[in-house]
C-alpha cells in the first residue's frame, strides 16, 4: 500500500531501467503504470519501510552486477529519487525482514553460493554485508519463523534453510546481528512437520 488508502498496490520491474507502480483500485484492477528510473536491468524488487517513516519504500536489485537501488516512498503513491548502493556487486533475488530484532528493516540477497544479509540502519541505508554459505542460492527466498523460536528464518529455492539464532547473552542493540546456520539435510528436507508448522 504505497499511498495509505488501505488498498494493495503493485510494483514491478520494467527493463531495461525502470520499475513500474500501479495503484490499486480495490476491485482487482489497477491504474495505469507510472515508471521510475531504478538503475540498469532491474531483476527483483521488494517493498518495505526502510527509513522508519511508516511509508512504503522500494528496493531494487539490479542484475547481475549493477548494485542495489532504493527509492523512498512519499506516502502518496509516488517514489523519490533513486539512491544506488554500489557495494552490492551481484544478486539474483532479495527479500526484506527484521532479522536482528532491532526494529529496522533488513535485506537478504541471494548471490550465487551465498545469502547476504544487509542490516538496515533505519535511514534507508544498510550496514556492511554479512555473508552465509547457502549452496547454489540463485533463486527465490522466503522468510518465516520455521522453528517457532521468535526469529525470522530464510529458505532458498534449492531447499536450504538458514535458521535465525538469537545472539548469546545480553548485548547492546548496536552489537546484535543475525546468526544464521544452514540446517542439516534431515531438518531442511524432511517431508512433514507437526500441524501448525510450516513445511515445503
N, C-alpha and C. Protein backbone atom coordinates (compact mmCIF):
# COMPACT_ATOMS: atom_id res chain seq x y z
N UNK A 1 0.85 -1.19 0.00
CA UNK A 1 0.00 0.00 0.00
C UNK A 1 0.90 1.24 0.00
N UNK A 2 1.11 1.81 -1.16
CA UNK A 2 2.05 2.91 -1.29
C UNK A 2 1.45 4.28 -0.98
N UNK A 3 0.12 4.36 -0.97
CA UNK A 3 -0.49 5.68 -0.74
C UNK A 3 -1.37 5.73 0.50
N UNK A 4 -1.33 4.69 1.33
CA UNK A 4 -2.01 4.73 2.61
C UNK A 4 -3.52 4.67 2.55
N UNK A 5 -4.09 4.17 1.45
CA UNK A 5 -5.55 4.09 1.36
C UNK A 5 -6.10 2.73 1.75
N UNK A 6 -5.21 1.82 2.22
CA UNK A 6 -5.65 0.51 2.63
C UNK A 6 -5.87 -0.47 1.50
N UNK A 7 -5.53 -0.09 0.29
CA UNK A 7 -5.70 -0.94 -0.89
C UNK A 7 -4.32 -1.35 -1.39
N UNK A 8 -4.20 -2.62 -1.76
CA UNK A 8 -2.91 -3.14 -2.21
C UNK A 8 -2.55 -2.55 -3.57
N UNK A 9 -1.31 -2.09 -3.69
CA UNK A 9 -0.78 -1.58 -4.95
C UNK A 9 0.24 -2.57 -5.50
N UNK A 10 0.72 -2.32 -6.69
CA UNK A 10 1.64 -3.24 -7.36
C UNK A 10 2.89 -2.49 -7.81
N UNK A 11 4.05 -3.10 -7.52
CA UNK A 11 5.33 -2.58 -8.01
C UNK A 11 6.00 -3.70 -8.79
N UNK A 12 6.44 -3.42 -10.01
CA UNK A 12 7.03 -4.45 -10.86
C UNK A 12 8.28 -3.91 -11.53
N UNK A 13 9.24 -4.80 -11.78
CA UNK A 13 10.42 -4.41 -12.55
C UNK A 13 10.02 -4.22 -14.00
N UNK A 14 10.69 -3.30 -14.66
CA UNK A 14 10.34 -2.94 -16.03
C UNK A 14 11.64 -2.62 -16.77
N UNK A 15 12.25 -3.64 -17.36
CA UNK A 15 13.54 -3.46 -18.03
C UNK A 15 13.40 -2.47 -19.17
N UNK A 16 14.51 -1.77 -19.54
CA UNK A 16 15.85 -2.03 -19.02
C UNK A 16 16.26 -1.20 -17.81
N UNK A 17 15.49 -0.14 -17.46
CA UNK A 17 16.00 0.75 -16.41
C UNK A 17 14.95 1.24 -15.42
N UNK A 18 13.76 0.67 -15.41
CA UNK A 18 12.68 1.23 -14.62
C UNK A 18 12.01 0.21 -13.71
N UNK A 19 11.27 0.74 -12.72
CA UNK A 19 10.23 -0.02 -12.05
C UNK A 19 8.91 0.70 -12.32
N UNK A 20 7.83 -0.07 -12.29
CA UNK A 20 6.50 0.48 -12.55
C UNK A 20 5.66 0.38 -11.29
N UNK A 21 4.93 1.44 -10.98
CA UNK A 21 4.00 1.46 -9.86
C UNK A 21 2.58 1.53 -10.42
N UNK A 22 1.74 0.60 -9.97
CA UNK A 22 0.35 0.57 -10.38
C UNK A 22 -0.51 0.66 -9.12
N UNK A 23 -1.23 1.74 -8.96
CA UNK A 23 -2.05 1.96 -7.78
C UNK A 23 -3.33 1.14 -7.88
N UNK A 24 -3.64 0.39 -6.81
CA UNK A 24 -4.81 -0.48 -6.83
C UNK A 24 -6.11 0.28 -6.64
N UNK A 25 -7.16 -0.21 -7.33
CA UNK A 25 -8.50 0.36 -7.18
C UNK A 25 -9.31 -0.34 -6.10
N UNK A 26 -8.85 -1.50 -5.65
CA UNK A 26 -9.58 -2.24 -4.64
C UNK A 26 -10.54 -3.27 -5.18
N UNK A 27 -10.63 -3.38 -6.49
CA UNK A 27 -11.53 -4.36 -7.12
C UNK A 27 -10.76 -5.35 -8.00
N UNK A 28 -9.45 -5.41 -7.79
CA UNK A 28 -8.62 -6.30 -8.60
C UNK A 28 -8.04 -5.65 -9.82
N UNK A 29 -8.37 -4.38 -10.06
CA UNK A 29 -7.79 -3.65 -11.18
C UNK A 29 -6.85 -2.57 -10.65
N UNK A 30 -6.06 -2.03 -11.58
CA UNK A 30 -5.04 -1.06 -11.19
C UNK A 30 -5.03 0.12 -12.15
N UNK A 31 -4.55 1.24 -11.67
CA UNK A 31 -4.36 2.41 -12.52
C UNK A 31 -3.21 2.16 -13.49
N UNK A 32 -3.10 3.01 -14.47
CA UNK A 32 -2.01 2.88 -15.44
C UNK A 32 -0.67 2.99 -14.74
N UNK A 33 0.30 2.27 -15.27
CA UNK A 33 1.62 2.23 -14.65
C UNK A 33 2.32 3.58 -14.73
N UNK A 34 2.98 3.92 -13.63
CA UNK A 34 3.86 5.09 -13.58
C UNK A 34 5.28 4.56 -13.44
N UNK A 35 6.18 5.03 -14.30
CA UNK A 35 7.53 4.47 -14.36
C UNK A 35 8.52 5.36 -13.61
N UNK A 36 9.46 4.68 -12.92
CA UNK A 36 10.51 5.37 -12.17
C UNK A 36 11.86 4.77 -12.52
N UNK A 37 12.88 5.62 -12.75
CA UNK A 37 14.22 5.08 -13.00
C UNK A 37 14.73 4.34 -11.78
N UNK A 38 15.32 3.15 -12.02
CA UNK A 38 15.73 2.30 -10.90
C UNK A 38 17.04 1.60 -11.16
N UNK A 39 17.88 2.17 -12.01
CA UNK A 39 19.16 1.53 -12.30
C UNK A 39 19.03 0.53 -13.43
N UNK A 40 20.17 0.06 -13.94
CA UNK A 40 20.16 -0.81 -15.11
C UNK A 40 19.67 -2.21 -14.80
N UNK A 41 18.82 -2.73 -15.67
CA UNK A 41 18.35 -4.12 -15.65
C UNK A 41 17.84 -4.55 -14.27
N UNK A 42 16.76 -3.95 -13.80
CA UNK A 42 16.20 -4.37 -12.51
C UNK A 42 15.71 -5.81 -12.59
N UNK A 43 16.16 -6.63 -11.65
CA UNK A 43 15.85 -8.06 -11.68
C UNK A 43 14.88 -8.48 -10.60
N UNK A 44 14.86 -7.77 -9.48
CA UNK A 44 13.99 -8.13 -8.36
C UNK A 44 13.64 -6.87 -7.60
N UNK A 45 12.49 -6.89 -6.96
CA UNK A 45 12.02 -5.72 -6.24
C UNK A 45 11.32 -6.16 -4.96
N UNK A 46 11.46 -5.37 -3.90
CA UNK A 46 10.76 -5.64 -2.65
C UNK A 46 10.30 -4.31 -2.07
N UNK A 47 9.15 -4.33 -1.41
CA UNK A 47 8.56 -3.13 -0.83
C UNK A 47 8.56 -3.26 0.69
N UNK A 48 9.09 -2.25 1.38
CA UNK A 48 9.13 -2.24 2.85
C UNK A 48 9.44 -0.81 3.29
N UNK A 49 9.33 -0.56 4.60
CA UNK A 49 9.69 0.74 5.15
C UNK A 49 11.14 0.69 5.60
N UNK A 50 12.02 1.31 4.83
CA UNK A 50 13.45 1.23 5.12
C UNK A 50 13.97 2.39 5.97
N UNK A 51 13.20 3.46 6.10
CA UNK A 51 13.69 4.61 6.87
C UNK A 51 12.82 4.97 8.06
N UNK A 52 11.89 4.11 8.42
CA UNK A 52 11.12 4.29 9.65
C UNK A 52 10.11 5.41 9.64
N UNK A 53 9.67 5.87 8.46
CA UNK A 53 8.69 6.96 8.41
C UNK A 53 7.27 6.44 8.19
N UNK A 54 7.10 5.12 8.26
CA UNK A 54 5.80 4.46 8.10
C UNK A 54 5.23 4.62 6.69
N UNK A 55 6.09 4.87 5.74
CA UNK A 55 5.72 4.89 4.33
C UNK A 55 6.48 3.78 3.62
N UNK A 56 5.83 3.15 2.66
CA UNK A 56 6.47 2.04 1.97
C UNK A 56 7.49 2.55 0.95
N UNK A 57 8.69 1.99 1.03
CA UNK A 57 9.78 2.30 0.10
C UNK A 57 10.00 1.09 -0.81
N UNK A 58 10.84 1.26 -1.81
CA UNK A 58 11.09 0.21 -2.79
C UNK A 58 12.59 -0.04 -2.89
N UNK A 59 12.99 -1.31 -2.80
CA UNK A 59 14.38 -1.71 -3.04
C UNK A 59 14.42 -2.53 -4.32
N UNK A 60 15.38 -2.21 -5.17
CA UNK A 60 15.50 -2.87 -6.47
C UNK A 60 16.89 -3.46 -6.60
N UNK A 61 16.95 -4.73 -6.96
CA UNK A 61 18.23 -5.40 -7.21
C UNK A 61 18.50 -5.35 -8.69
N UNK A 62 19.61 -4.71 -9.05
CA UNK A 62 19.97 -4.57 -10.46
C UNK A 62 20.88 -5.72 -10.86
N UNK A 63 20.53 -6.41 -11.94
CA UNK A 63 21.18 -7.67 -12.28
C UNK A 63 22.12 -7.52 -13.46
N UNK A 64 23.23 -8.32 -13.42
CA UNK A 64 23.66 -9.05 -12.24
C UNK A 64 24.66 -8.29 -11.38
N UNK A 65 25.27 -7.23 -11.91
CA UNK A 65 26.40 -6.61 -11.20
C UNK A 65 26.29 -5.09 -11.09
N UNK A 66 25.08 -4.58 -10.97
CA UNK A 66 24.92 -3.14 -11.03
C UNK A 66 24.41 -2.52 -9.73
N UNK A 67 24.43 -3.25 -8.65
CA UNK A 67 24.13 -2.65 -7.36
C UNK A 67 22.68 -2.77 -6.92
N UNK A 68 22.40 -2.07 -5.83
CA UNK A 68 21.08 -2.03 -5.21
C UNK A 68 20.58 -0.60 -5.27
N UNK A 69 19.32 -0.43 -5.67
CA UNK A 69 18.73 0.90 -5.78
C UNK A 69 17.57 1.02 -4.81
N UNK A 70 17.54 2.10 -4.02
CA UNK A 70 16.46 2.36 -3.08
C UNK A 70 15.69 3.59 -3.54
N UNK A 71 14.38 3.47 -3.59
CA UNK A 71 13.50 4.61 -3.90
C UNK A 71 12.58 4.82 -2.71
N UNK A 72 12.69 5.96 -2.05
CA UNK A 72 11.88 6.24 -0.88
C UNK A 72 10.45 6.60 -1.28
N UNK A 73 9.50 6.00 -0.58
CA UNK A 73 8.11 6.34 -0.84
C UNK A 73 7.72 7.66 -0.20
N UNK A 74 6.88 8.42 -0.88
CA UNK A 74 6.43 9.71 -0.35
C UNK A 74 5.12 9.59 0.42
N UNK A 75 4.52 8.40 0.39
CA UNK A 75 3.27 8.19 1.11
C UNK A 75 2.03 8.51 0.31
N UNK A 76 2.21 9.02 -0.91
CA UNK A 76 1.07 9.37 -1.76
C UNK A 76 1.02 8.51 -3.02
N UNK A 77 1.80 7.43 -3.02
CA UNK A 77 1.84 6.55 -4.18
C UNK A 77 2.96 6.84 -5.15
N UNK A 78 3.73 7.88 -4.87
CA UNK A 78 4.87 8.21 -5.73
C UNK A 78 6.17 7.87 -5.01
N UNK A 79 7.25 7.82 -5.79
CA UNK A 79 8.56 7.46 -5.27
C UNK A 79 9.56 8.59 -5.49
N UNK A 80 10.55 8.65 -4.61
CA UNK A 80 11.57 9.69 -4.70
C UNK A 80 12.69 9.35 -5.66
N UNK A 81 13.72 10.15 -5.60
CA UNK A 81 14.88 9.98 -6.47
C UNK A 81 15.62 8.69 -6.10
N UNK A 82 16.03 7.89 -7.07
CA UNK A 82 16.73 6.64 -6.76
C UNK A 82 18.09 6.88 -6.11
N UNK A 83 18.40 6.06 -5.11
CA UNK A 83 19.69 6.10 -4.42
C UNK A 83 20.36 4.75 -4.63
N UNK A 84 21.56 4.74 -5.19
CA UNK A 84 22.24 3.50 -5.54
C UNK A 84 23.27 3.12 -4.49
N UNK A 85 23.26 1.85 -4.10
CA UNK A 85 24.26 1.29 -3.19
C UNK A 85 25.18 0.41 -4.02
N UNK A 86 26.37 0.90 -4.39
CA UNK A 86 27.25 0.14 -5.28
C UNK A 86 27.95 -1.02 -4.59
N UNK A 87 27.81 -1.14 -3.27
CA UNK A 87 28.51 -2.23 -2.57
C UNK A 87 27.89 -3.59 -2.86
N UNK A 88 26.67 -3.61 -3.39
CA UNK A 88 26.06 -4.87 -3.81
C UNK A 88 26.54 -5.16 -5.22
N UNK A 89 27.41 -6.13 -5.36
CA UNK A 89 28.06 -6.38 -6.65
C UNK A 89 27.46 -7.55 -7.41
N UNK A 90 26.56 -8.30 -6.80
CA UNK A 90 25.88 -9.38 -7.51
C UNK A 90 24.63 -9.75 -6.74
N UNK A 91 23.70 -10.39 -7.42
CA UNK A 91 22.48 -10.80 -6.75
C UNK A 91 21.44 -11.30 -7.72
N UNK A 92 20.56 -12.16 -7.22
CA UNK A 92 19.52 -12.76 -8.05
C UNK A 92 18.13 -12.53 -7.48
N UNK A 93 18.01 -12.48 -6.16
CA UNK A 93 16.71 -12.27 -5.52
C UNK A 93 16.94 -11.57 -4.19
N UNK A 94 15.92 -10.89 -3.70
CA UNK A 94 16.04 -10.24 -2.40
C UNK A 94 14.70 -10.27 -1.68
N UNK A 95 14.78 -10.13 -0.36
CA UNK A 95 13.60 -10.13 0.49
C UNK A 95 13.90 -9.26 1.70
N UNK A 96 12.86 -8.68 2.28
CA UNK A 96 13.04 -7.77 3.41
C UNK A 96 12.45 -8.37 4.68
N UNK A 97 13.07 -8.07 5.82
CA UNK A 97 12.58 -8.51 7.12
C UNK A 97 13.49 -7.99 8.21
N UNK A 98 13.02 -8.03 9.44
CA UNK A 98 13.84 -7.60 10.58
C UNK A 98 14.51 -8.84 11.16
N UNK A 99 15.74 -9.13 10.72
CA UNK A 99 16.41 -10.37 11.08
C UNK A 99 17.13 -10.29 12.42
N UNK A 100 17.38 -9.09 12.92
CA UNK A 100 18.12 -8.97 14.19
C UNK A 100 17.31 -8.31 15.30
N UNK A 101 16.00 -8.17 15.09
CA UNK A 101 15.10 -7.70 16.15
C UNK A 101 15.45 -6.31 16.66
N UNK A 102 15.93 -5.43 15.79
CA UNK A 102 16.22 -4.07 16.25
C UNK A 102 15.17 -3.07 15.79
N UNK A 103 14.09 -3.56 15.18
CA UNK A 103 13.01 -2.70 14.73
C UNK A 103 13.28 -2.01 13.42
N UNK A 104 14.37 -2.35 12.74
CA UNK A 104 14.72 -1.75 11.46
C UNK A 104 14.70 -2.83 10.39
N UNK A 105 14.28 -2.45 9.20
CA UNK A 105 14.13 -3.42 8.12
C UNK A 105 15.48 -3.75 7.50
N UNK A 106 15.76 -5.05 7.39
CA UNK A 106 16.99 -5.54 6.78
C UNK A 106 16.67 -6.15 5.42
N UNK A 107 17.71 -6.47 4.67
CA UNK A 107 17.56 -7.14 3.38
C UNK A 107 18.36 -8.43 3.37
N UNK A 108 17.84 -9.44 2.69
CA UNK A 108 18.59 -10.66 2.38
C UNK A 108 18.65 -10.80 0.87
N UNK A 109 19.84 -11.12 0.37
CA UNK A 109 20.07 -11.19 -1.08
C UNK A 109 20.74 -12.51 -1.41
N UNK A 110 20.21 -13.23 -2.40
CA UNK A 110 20.91 -14.42 -2.88
C UNK A 110 21.87 -14.00 -3.99
N UNK A 111 23.07 -14.56 -3.93
CA UNK A 111 24.07 -14.23 -4.95
C UNK A 111 25.01 -15.41 -5.17
N UNK A 112 24.55 -16.34 -5.97
CA UNK A 112 25.39 -17.49 -6.29
C UNK A 112 25.37 -18.51 -5.18
N UNK A 113 26.45 -18.61 -4.42
CA UNK A 113 26.57 -19.63 -3.39
C UNK A 113 26.46 -19.07 -1.98
N UNK A 114 25.97 -17.86 -1.84
CA UNK A 114 25.80 -17.26 -0.52
C UNK A 114 24.47 -16.54 -0.43
N UNK A 115 24.04 -16.33 0.81
CA UNK A 115 22.97 -15.38 1.11
C UNK A 115 23.60 -14.24 1.89
N UNK A 116 23.39 -13.03 1.43
CA UNK A 116 23.96 -11.84 2.06
C UNK A 116 22.90 -11.11 2.86
N UNK A 117 23.20 -10.81 4.12
CA UNK A 117 22.33 -10.01 4.96
C UNK A 117 22.86 -8.59 5.00
N UNK A 118 21.99 -7.63 4.72
CA UNK A 118 22.32 -6.21 4.88
C UNK A 118 21.43 -5.65 5.98
N UNK A 119 22.03 -5.38 7.14
CA UNK A 119 21.26 -4.86 8.26
C UNK A 119 20.90 -3.40 8.03
N UNK A 120 19.62 -3.08 8.18
CA UNK A 120 19.17 -1.72 7.99
C UNK A 120 19.63 -0.81 9.12
N UNK A 121 20.06 0.40 8.76
CA UNK A 121 20.46 1.40 9.74
C UNK A 121 19.23 2.19 10.22
N UNK A 122 18.20 2.22 9.40
CA UNK A 122 16.97 2.90 9.76
C UNK A 122 16.75 4.21 9.04
N UNK A 123 17.69 4.57 8.15
CA UNK A 123 17.56 5.80 7.38
C UNK A 123 17.54 5.53 5.88
N UNK A 124 17.32 4.27 5.52
CA UNK A 124 17.33 3.90 4.11
C UNK A 124 18.66 3.39 3.62
N UNK A 125 19.65 3.34 4.51
CA UNK A 125 20.95 2.78 4.17
C UNK A 125 21.18 1.52 5.00
N UNK A 126 22.27 0.81 4.69
CA UNK A 126 22.49 -0.51 5.27
C UNK A 126 23.93 -0.69 5.72
N UNK A 127 24.10 -1.57 6.71
CA UNK A 127 25.43 -1.92 7.20
C UNK A 127 26.17 -2.74 6.14
N UNK A 128 27.45 -3.00 6.41
CA UNK A 128 28.26 -3.80 5.50
C UNK A 128 27.65 -5.20 5.36
N UNK A 129 27.93 -5.88 4.25
CA UNK A 129 27.34 -7.20 4.01
C UNK A 129 27.84 -8.25 5.00
N UNK A 130 26.95 -9.16 5.39
CA UNK A 130 27.29 -10.35 6.16
C UNK A 130 26.88 -11.54 5.30
N UNK A 131 27.84 -12.39 4.94
CA UNK A 131 27.59 -13.48 4.01
C UNK A 131 27.49 -14.82 4.72
N UNK A 132 26.58 -15.67 4.24
CA UNK A 132 26.40 -17.02 4.76
C UNK A 132 26.38 -18.00 3.60
N UNK A 133 27.08 -19.13 3.72
CA UNK A 133 27.05 -20.13 2.64
C UNK A 133 25.65 -20.72 2.51
N UNK A 134 25.22 -20.90 1.26
CA UNK A 134 23.87 -21.42 1.04
C UNK A 134 23.77 -22.24 -0.23
N UNK A 135 24.86 -22.92 -0.62
CA UNK A 135 24.79 -23.75 -1.82
C UNK A 135 24.56 -22.91 -3.05
N UNK A 136 23.80 -23.44 -3.99
CA UNK A 136 23.51 -22.73 -5.24
C UNK A 136 22.31 -21.83 -5.10
N UNK A 137 22.43 -20.81 -4.25
CA UNK A 137 21.27 -19.97 -3.91
C UNK A 137 21.09 -18.87 -4.94
N UNK A 138 20.59 -19.22 -6.10
CA UNK A 138 20.38 -18.22 -7.15
C UNK A 138 18.91 -17.86 -7.32
N UNK A 139 18.02 -18.62 -6.72
CA UNK A 139 16.61 -18.40 -6.96
C UNK A 139 15.96 -17.67 -5.79
N UNK A 140 14.65 -17.84 -5.66
CA UNK A 140 13.89 -17.03 -4.72
C UNK A 140 14.13 -17.40 -3.26
N UNK A 141 13.81 -16.44 -2.40
CA UNK A 141 13.89 -16.59 -0.96
C UNK A 141 12.49 -16.49 -0.36
N UNK A 142 12.28 -17.19 0.74
CA UNK A 142 11.10 -16.96 1.57
C UNK A 142 11.57 -16.83 3.01
N UNK A 143 10.80 -16.08 3.81
CA UNK A 143 11.12 -15.93 5.23
C UNK A 143 9.91 -16.30 6.06
N UNK A 144 10.17 -16.91 7.20
CA UNK A 144 9.14 -17.25 8.18
C UNK A 144 9.86 -17.74 9.42
N UNK A 145 9.15 -17.88 10.51
CA UNK A 145 9.72 -18.47 11.71
C UNK A 145 9.45 -19.97 11.65
N UNK A 146 10.35 -20.70 11.00
CA UNK A 146 10.12 -22.12 10.74
C UNK A 146 10.18 -22.98 12.00
N UNK A 147 10.96 -22.56 12.98
CA UNK A 147 11.13 -23.39 14.18
C UNK A 147 10.51 -22.77 15.43
N UNK A 148 9.71 -21.72 15.25
CA UNK A 148 8.95 -21.12 16.35
C UNK A 148 9.81 -20.61 17.51
N UNK A 149 10.98 -20.09 17.18
CA UNK A 149 11.82 -19.54 18.24
C UNK A 149 11.72 -18.02 18.32
N UNK A 150 10.85 -17.42 17.51
CA UNK A 150 10.67 -15.98 17.54
C UNK A 150 11.60 -15.20 16.65
N UNK A 151 12.47 -15.91 15.89
CA UNK A 151 13.42 -15.26 14.99
C UNK A 151 13.12 -15.66 13.55
N UNK A 152 13.20 -14.70 12.64
CA UNK A 152 12.94 -15.00 11.23
C UNK A 152 14.01 -15.92 10.68
N UNK A 153 13.59 -16.91 9.90
CA UNK A 153 14.48 -17.82 9.21
C UNK A 153 14.34 -17.59 7.71
N UNK A 154 15.32 -18.09 6.95
CA UNK A 154 15.33 -17.95 5.50
C UNK A 154 15.33 -19.32 4.85
N UNK A 155 14.62 -19.45 3.75
CA UNK A 155 14.68 -20.67 2.95
C UNK A 155 14.92 -20.28 1.50
N UNK A 156 15.84 -20.97 0.84
CA UNK A 156 16.11 -20.74 -0.57
C UNK A 156 15.41 -21.80 -1.40
N UNK A 157 15.29 -21.54 -2.69
CA UNK A 157 14.51 -22.42 -3.56
C UNK A 157 15.17 -23.78 -3.78
N UNK A 158 16.45 -23.92 -3.44
CA UNK A 158 17.07 -25.25 -3.55
C UNK A 158 16.95 -26.01 -2.23
N UNK A 159 15.95 -25.63 -1.42
CA UNK A 159 15.58 -26.30 -0.17
C UNK A 159 16.72 -26.26 0.84
N UNK A 160 17.27 -25.09 1.04
CA UNK A 160 18.20 -24.87 2.13
C UNK A 160 17.56 -23.89 3.09
N UNK A 161 17.61 -24.22 4.36
CA UNK A 161 17.01 -23.37 5.39
C UNK A 161 18.11 -22.83 6.28
N UNK A 162 18.12 -21.52 6.47
CA UNK A 162 19.06 -20.88 7.38
C UNK A 162 18.25 -20.38 8.56
N UNK A 163 18.51 -20.95 9.72
CA UNK A 163 17.74 -20.62 10.90
C UNK A 163 18.32 -19.39 11.58
N UNK A 164 17.46 -18.44 11.92
CA UNK A 164 17.90 -17.27 12.66
C UNK A 164 18.09 -17.61 14.11
N UNK A 165 19.27 -17.29 14.65
CA UNK A 165 19.59 -17.62 16.04
C UNK A 165 19.76 -16.35 16.84
N UNK A 166 19.16 -16.31 18.03
CA UNK A 166 19.32 -15.14 18.90
C UNK A 166 20.76 -15.03 19.35
N UNK A 167 21.31 -13.82 19.45
CA UNK A 167 22.67 -13.67 19.97
C UNK A 167 22.75 -14.23 21.39
N UNK A 168 23.86 -14.88 21.71
CA UNK A 168 24.01 -15.48 23.03
C UNK A 168 24.36 -14.42 24.06
N UNK A 169 23.58 -14.37 25.13
CA UNK A 169 23.85 -13.41 26.19
C UNK A 169 23.41 -12.01 25.83
N UNK A 170 23.30 -11.13 26.84
CA UNK A 170 22.85 -9.76 26.58
C UNK A 170 23.90 -8.97 25.81
N UNK A 171 23.43 -8.21 24.82
CA UNK A 171 24.32 -7.34 24.05
C UNK A 171 23.60 -6.02 23.82
N UNK A 172 24.34 -4.94 23.68
CA UNK A 172 23.68 -3.69 23.33
C UNK A 172 23.09 -3.80 21.93
N UNK A 173 22.02 -3.04 21.63
CA UNK A 173 21.37 -3.17 20.33
C UNK A 173 22.31 -3.02 19.15
N UNK A 174 23.29 -2.11 19.24
CA UNK A 174 24.19 -1.88 18.11
C UNK A 174 25.06 -3.09 17.82
N UNK A 175 25.23 -3.98 18.81
CA UNK A 175 26.13 -5.12 18.63
C UNK A 175 25.40 -6.36 18.18
N UNK A 176 24.05 -6.32 18.18
CA UNK A 176 23.32 -7.52 17.78
C UNK A 176 23.42 -7.70 16.29
N UNK A 177 23.42 -8.94 15.87
CA UNK A 177 23.46 -9.26 14.45
C UNK A 177 22.80 -10.60 14.25
N UNK A 178 22.27 -10.86 13.04
CA UNK A 178 21.64 -12.15 12.81
C UNK A 178 22.69 -13.24 12.78
N UNK A 179 22.39 -14.37 13.36
CA UNK A 179 23.26 -15.54 13.30
C UNK A 179 22.50 -16.64 12.59
N UNK A 180 22.94 -16.98 11.40
CA UNK A 180 22.24 -17.95 10.58
C UNK A 180 23.12 -19.16 10.38
N UNK A 181 22.50 -20.33 10.34
CA UNK A 181 23.26 -21.54 10.04
C UNK A 181 22.47 -22.36 9.05
N UNK A 182 23.16 -23.13 8.23
CA UNK A 182 22.48 -23.99 7.28
C UNK A 182 21.97 -25.21 8.00
N UNK A 183 20.69 -25.51 7.86
CA UNK A 183 20.12 -26.66 8.53
C UNK A 183 20.64 -27.94 7.90
N UNK A 184 20.84 -29.00 8.69
CA UNK A 184 21.27 -30.28 8.13
C UNK A 184 20.19 -30.85 7.22
N UNK A 185 20.57 -31.72 6.28
CA UNK A 185 19.58 -32.25 5.34
C UNK A 185 18.37 -32.87 6.02
N UNK A 186 18.56 -33.56 7.14
CA UNK A 186 17.44 -34.19 7.81
C UNK A 186 16.42 -33.18 8.29
N UNK A 187 16.88 -31.95 8.56
CA UNK A 187 15.98 -30.91 9.04
C UNK A 187 15.39 -30.12 7.89
N UNK A 188 16.21 -29.80 6.87
CA UNK A 188 15.73 -28.94 5.81
C UNK A 188 14.91 -29.67 4.77
N UNK A 189 15.02 -31.00 4.68
CA UNK A 189 14.33 -31.73 3.64
C UNK A 189 13.28 -32.70 4.17
N UNK A 190 12.99 -32.68 5.47
CA UNK A 190 12.04 -33.63 5.98
C UNK A 190 10.67 -33.37 5.37
N UNK A 191 9.91 -34.42 5.05
CA UNK A 191 8.70 -34.25 4.26
C UNK A 191 7.52 -33.70 5.03
N UNK A 192 7.48 -33.85 6.35
CA UNK A 192 6.29 -33.42 7.08
C UNK A 192 6.69 -32.83 8.41
N UNK A 193 5.80 -31.99 8.95
CA UNK A 193 6.01 -31.39 10.26
C UNK A 193 4.71 -31.51 11.04
N UNK A 194 4.78 -31.22 12.33
CA UNK A 194 3.58 -31.27 13.14
C UNK A 194 2.59 -30.22 12.66
N UNK A 195 1.29 -30.43 12.89
CA UNK A 195 0.29 -29.42 12.49
C UNK A 195 0.64 -28.05 13.04
N UNK A 196 0.47 -27.03 12.19
CA UNK A 196 0.79 -25.67 12.60
C UNK A 196 2.19 -25.25 12.22
N UNK A 197 3.04 -26.19 11.83
CA UNK A 197 4.39 -25.85 11.39
C UNK A 197 4.41 -25.64 9.88
N UNK A 198 5.31 -24.76 9.44
CA UNK A 198 5.47 -24.55 8.00
C UNK A 198 6.27 -25.69 7.40
N UNK A 199 5.93 -26.10 6.21
CA UNK A 199 6.66 -27.17 5.53
C UNK A 199 6.62 -26.92 4.04
N UNK A 200 7.62 -27.47 3.32
CA UNK A 200 7.65 -27.38 1.87
C UNK A 200 7.10 -28.67 1.27
